[in-house]
């Protein structure tokens, strides 16, 4: 799945020097479905997620694909899905 960033994302660390641009407005990113354990407090529950690599090549979960709407606002604020043409 191809995504386009519509609003840049800055990662914020505890220190000023830890901050960096993670996703850049106008760039396209390849997203893939995956799963992760322990996101909802249960260490054994498997949660389906959508993840992509940021500008530094680090993998990030950008949306939960189950009923949990935790990252829905983040996803819709920062990304749009590109249709295959």
N, C-alpha and C. Protein backbone atom coordinates (compact mmCIF):
# COMPACT_ATOMS: atom_id res chain seq x y z
N UNK A 1 0.85 -1.17 0.00
CA UNK A 1 0.00 0.00 0.00
C UNK A 1 0.90 1.23 0.00
N UNK A 2 0.59 2.17 -0.85
CA UNK A 2 1.34 3.42 -0.93
C UNK A 2 0.59 4.50 -0.17
N UNK A 3 1.34 5.26 0.62
CA UNK A 3 0.78 6.38 1.37
C UNK A 3 1.53 7.64 0.99
N UNK A 4 0.83 8.76 1.07
CA UNK A 4 1.46 10.06 0.89
C UNK A 4 1.30 10.84 2.18
N UNK A 5 2.40 11.44 2.63
CA UNK A 5 2.36 12.25 3.84
C UNK A 5 1.77 13.62 3.49
N UNK A 6 0.72 14.01 4.19
CA UNK A 6 0.08 15.30 3.92
C UNK A 6 0.39 16.34 4.99
N UNK A 7 1.04 15.89 6.07
CA UNK A 7 1.48 16.80 7.12
C UNK A 7 2.70 16.19 7.79
N UNK A 8 3.81 16.91 7.81
CA UNK A 8 5.06 16.39 8.36
C UNK A 8 4.91 15.98 9.82
N UNK A 9 5.72 14.99 10.22
CA UNK A 9 5.70 14.48 11.59
C UNK A 9 7.09 14.65 12.18
N UNK A 10 7.16 15.32 13.32
CA UNK A 10 8.41 15.49 14.06
C UNK A 10 8.37 14.55 15.26
N UNK A 11 9.44 13.77 15.44
CA UNK A 11 9.56 12.92 16.62
C UNK A 11 10.19 13.75 17.72
N UNK A 12 9.63 13.67 18.92
CA UNK A 12 10.12 14.46 20.03
C UNK A 12 10.70 13.54 21.09
N UNK A 13 11.94 13.76 21.42
CA UNK A 13 12.60 13.01 22.48
C UNK A 13 12.59 13.83 23.76
N UNK A 14 13.17 13.25 24.78
CA UNK A 14 13.25 13.95 26.06
C UNK A 14 14.19 15.15 25.97
N UNK A 15 15.21 15.02 25.14
CA UNK A 15 16.17 16.11 24.98
C UNK A 15 15.97 16.76 23.62
N UNK A 16 16.31 18.03 23.50
CA UNK A 16 16.14 18.77 22.25
C UNK A 16 16.89 18.11 21.11
N UNK A 17 18.09 17.60 21.37
CA UNK A 17 18.89 16.98 20.31
C UNK A 17 18.33 15.64 19.84
N UNK A 18 17.34 15.07 20.56
CA UNK A 18 16.71 13.81 20.15
C UNK A 18 15.58 14.02 19.14
N UNK A 19 15.20 15.26 18.88
CA UNK A 19 14.10 15.55 17.96
C UNK A 19 14.57 15.44 16.51
N UNK A 20 13.69 14.89 15.66
CA UNK A 20 14.03 14.78 14.24
C UNK A 20 12.76 14.68 13.41
N UNK A 21 12.91 14.94 12.11
CA UNK A 21 11.81 14.84 11.15
C UNK A 21 11.64 13.36 10.81
N UNK A 22 10.47 12.79 11.12
CA UNK A 22 10.24 11.37 10.86
C UNK A 22 9.59 11.16 9.50
N UNK A 23 8.54 11.91 9.21
CA UNK A 23 7.83 11.81 7.93
C UNK A 23 7.71 13.22 7.36
N UNK A 24 7.95 13.34 6.06
CA UNK A 24 8.00 14.65 5.42
C UNK A 24 6.81 14.83 4.48
N UNK A 25 6.14 15.97 4.61
CA UNK A 25 5.00 16.29 3.76
C UNK A 25 5.39 16.20 2.29
N UNK A 26 4.54 15.52 1.50
CA UNK A 26 4.78 15.36 0.08
C UNK A 26 5.49 14.07 -0.29
N UNK A 27 6.16 13.43 0.67
CA UNK A 27 6.86 12.16 0.39
C UNK A 27 5.88 11.00 0.39
N UNK A 28 6.22 9.97 -0.40
CA UNK A 28 5.43 8.75 -0.44
C UNK A 28 6.15 7.67 0.36
N UNK A 29 5.35 6.82 1.02
CA UNK A 29 5.88 5.76 1.86
C UNK A 29 5.16 4.45 1.54
N UNK A 30 5.89 3.36 1.59
CA UNK A 30 5.30 2.03 1.42
C UNK A 30 4.88 1.53 2.79
N UNK A 31 3.61 1.18 2.92
CA UNK A 31 3.09 0.67 4.19
C UNK A 31 2.77 -0.81 4.02
N UNK A 32 2.85 -1.55 5.12
CA UNK A 32 2.52 -2.96 5.07
C UNK A 32 1.76 -3.35 6.34
N UNK A 33 0.94 -4.37 6.19
CA UNK A 33 0.22 -4.89 7.33
C UNK A 33 1.13 -5.82 8.11
N UNK A 34 0.96 -5.80 9.41
CA UNK A 34 1.74 -6.66 10.28
C UNK A 34 0.98 -6.87 11.57
N UNK A 35 1.66 -7.37 12.57
CA UNK A 35 1.02 -7.56 13.87
C UNK A 35 2.06 -7.33 14.96
N UNK A 36 1.55 -7.05 16.13
CA UNK A 36 2.42 -6.76 17.26
C UNK A 36 1.71 -7.24 18.53
N UNK A 37 2.47 -7.77 19.47
CA UNK A 37 1.90 -8.22 20.74
C UNK A 37 2.07 -7.14 21.81
N UNK A 38 1.13 -7.12 22.74
CA UNK A 38 1.27 -6.31 23.93
C UNK A 38 0.88 -4.85 23.81
N UNK A 39 0.25 -4.45 22.73
CA UNK A 39 -0.10 -3.03 22.58
C UNK A 39 -1.25 -2.60 23.46
N UNK A 40 -2.11 -3.51 23.84
CA UNK A 40 -3.30 -3.16 24.62
C UNK A 40 -3.20 -3.59 26.08
N UNK A 41 -1.97 -3.76 26.57
CA UNK A 41 -1.78 -4.14 27.96
C UNK A 41 -1.72 -5.64 28.19
N UNK A 42 -2.20 -6.44 27.25
CA UNK A 42 -2.13 -7.90 27.35
C UNK A 42 -0.90 -8.36 26.56
N UNK A 43 0.11 -8.93 27.23
CA UNK A 43 1.34 -9.28 26.54
C UNK A 43 1.18 -10.38 25.50
N UNK A 44 0.05 -11.08 25.47
CA UNK A 44 -0.15 -12.18 24.53
C UNK A 44 -1.11 -11.83 23.41
N UNK A 45 -1.87 -10.76 23.55
CA UNK A 45 -2.84 -10.38 22.51
C UNK A 45 -2.10 -9.87 21.27
N UNK A 46 -2.45 -10.43 20.13
CA UNK A 46 -1.86 -10.00 18.86
C UNK A 46 -2.76 -8.93 18.25
N UNK A 47 -2.17 -7.77 17.94
CA UNK A 47 -2.92 -6.65 17.38
C UNK A 47 -2.47 -6.44 15.93
N UNK A 48 -3.41 -6.48 14.97
CA UNK A 48 -3.04 -6.19 13.59
C UNK A 48 -2.77 -4.69 13.44
N UNK A 49 -1.68 -4.35 12.74
CA UNK A 49 -1.27 -2.95 12.61
C UNK A 49 -0.86 -2.65 11.17
N UNK A 50 -0.77 -1.36 10.88
CA UNK A 50 -0.20 -0.88 9.63
C UNK A 50 1.08 -0.16 10.01
N UNK A 51 2.18 -0.52 9.35
CA UNK A 51 3.46 0.09 9.69
C UNK A 51 4.18 0.55 8.43
N UNK A 52 5.07 1.51 8.61
CA UNK A 52 5.90 2.01 7.51
C UNK A 52 7.23 2.48 8.08
N UNK A 53 8.20 2.62 7.21
CA UNK A 53 9.50 3.13 7.64
C UNK A 53 9.55 4.63 7.45
N UNK A 54 10.14 5.31 8.44
CA UNK A 54 10.24 6.77 8.37
C UNK A 54 11.43 7.20 7.53
N UNK A 55 11.73 8.47 7.51
CA UNK A 55 12.81 9.02 6.69
C UNK A 55 14.19 8.50 7.12
N UNK A 56 14.31 8.02 8.35
CA UNK A 56 15.58 7.47 8.84
C UNK A 56 15.65 5.96 8.67
N UNK A 57 14.59 5.35 8.12
CA UNK A 57 14.56 3.90 7.92
C UNK A 57 14.07 3.11 9.12
N UNK A 58 13.53 3.79 10.12
CA UNK A 58 13.00 3.13 11.31
C UNK A 58 11.53 2.76 11.09
N UNK A 59 11.14 1.57 11.51
CA UNK A 59 9.77 1.11 11.34
C UNK A 59 8.87 1.72 12.42
N UNK A 60 7.70 2.22 12.00
CA UNK A 60 6.74 2.82 12.92
C UNK A 60 5.35 2.25 12.69
N UNK A 61 4.64 1.99 13.78
CA UNK A 61 3.23 1.63 13.69
C UNK A 61 2.46 2.94 13.51
N UNK A 62 1.69 3.02 12.44
CA UNK A 62 0.97 4.27 12.17
C UNK A 62 -0.54 4.13 12.29
N UNK A 63 -1.03 2.87 12.43
CA UNK A 63 -2.48 2.67 12.57
C UNK A 63 -2.73 1.27 13.11
N UNK A 64 -3.68 1.14 14.05
CA UNK A 64 -4.16 -0.16 14.50
C UNK A 64 -5.27 -0.57 13.54
N UNK A 65 -5.29 -1.83 13.12
CA UNK A 65 -6.28 -2.27 12.14
C UNK A 65 -7.46 -3.01 12.75
N UNK A 66 -7.52 -3.12 14.06
CA UNK A 66 -8.67 -3.74 14.71
C UNK A 66 -9.66 -2.65 15.13
N UNK A 67 -10.49 -2.95 16.07
CA UNK A 67 -11.51 -1.98 16.52
C UNK A 67 -10.92 -0.80 17.28
N UNK A 68 -9.69 -0.94 17.75
CA UNK A 68 -9.03 0.13 18.51
C UNK A 68 -8.79 1.33 17.60
N UNK A 69 -9.22 2.49 18.03
CA UNK A 69 -9.09 3.70 17.21
C UNK A 69 -7.98 4.61 17.70
N UNK A 70 -7.03 4.07 18.46
CA UNK A 70 -5.98 4.86 19.08
C UNK A 70 -5.23 5.74 18.10
N UNK A 71 -4.84 5.21 16.96
CA UNK A 71 -4.02 5.97 16.00
C UNK A 71 -4.80 6.48 14.79
N UNK A 72 -6.13 6.36 14.80
CA UNK A 72 -6.91 6.80 13.65
C UNK A 72 -6.73 8.29 13.36
N UNK A 73 -6.75 9.13 14.39
CA UNK A 73 -6.58 10.57 14.19
C UNK A 73 -5.19 10.88 13.65
N UNK A 74 -4.17 10.22 14.18
CA UNK A 74 -2.81 10.42 13.69
C UNK A 74 -2.73 10.06 12.22
N UNK A 75 -3.25 8.90 11.85
CA UNK A 75 -3.18 8.43 10.48
C UNK A 75 -3.90 9.39 9.53
N UNK A 76 -5.12 9.77 9.86
CA UNK A 76 -5.90 10.63 8.95
C UNK A 76 -5.36 12.05 8.90
N UNK A 77 -4.64 12.50 9.91
CA UNK A 77 -4.04 13.83 9.91
C UNK A 77 -2.78 13.87 9.05
N UNK A 78 -2.02 12.78 9.02
CA UNK A 78 -0.70 12.80 8.40
C UNK A 78 -0.57 12.04 7.09
N UNK A 79 -1.52 11.16 6.76
CA UNK A 79 -1.37 10.32 5.57
C UNK A 79 -2.66 10.20 4.78
N UNK A 80 -2.50 9.99 3.47
CA UNK A 80 -3.61 9.56 2.62
C UNK A 80 -3.13 8.35 1.83
N UNK A 81 -4.06 7.47 1.53
CA UNK A 81 -3.73 6.28 0.75
C UNK A 81 -3.78 6.65 -0.73
N UNK A 82 -2.76 6.26 -1.47
CA UNK A 82 -2.72 6.51 -2.90
C UNK A 82 -3.32 5.32 -3.62
N UNK A 83 -4.16 5.60 -4.58
CA UNK A 83 -4.80 4.54 -5.37
C UNK A 83 -3.86 4.09 -6.48
N UNK A 84 -3.90 2.79 -6.79
CA UNK A 84 -3.12 2.30 -7.92
C UNK A 84 -3.75 2.78 -9.21
N UNK A 85 -2.93 3.23 -10.15
CA UNK A 85 -3.50 3.70 -11.41
C UNK A 85 -3.02 2.87 -12.56
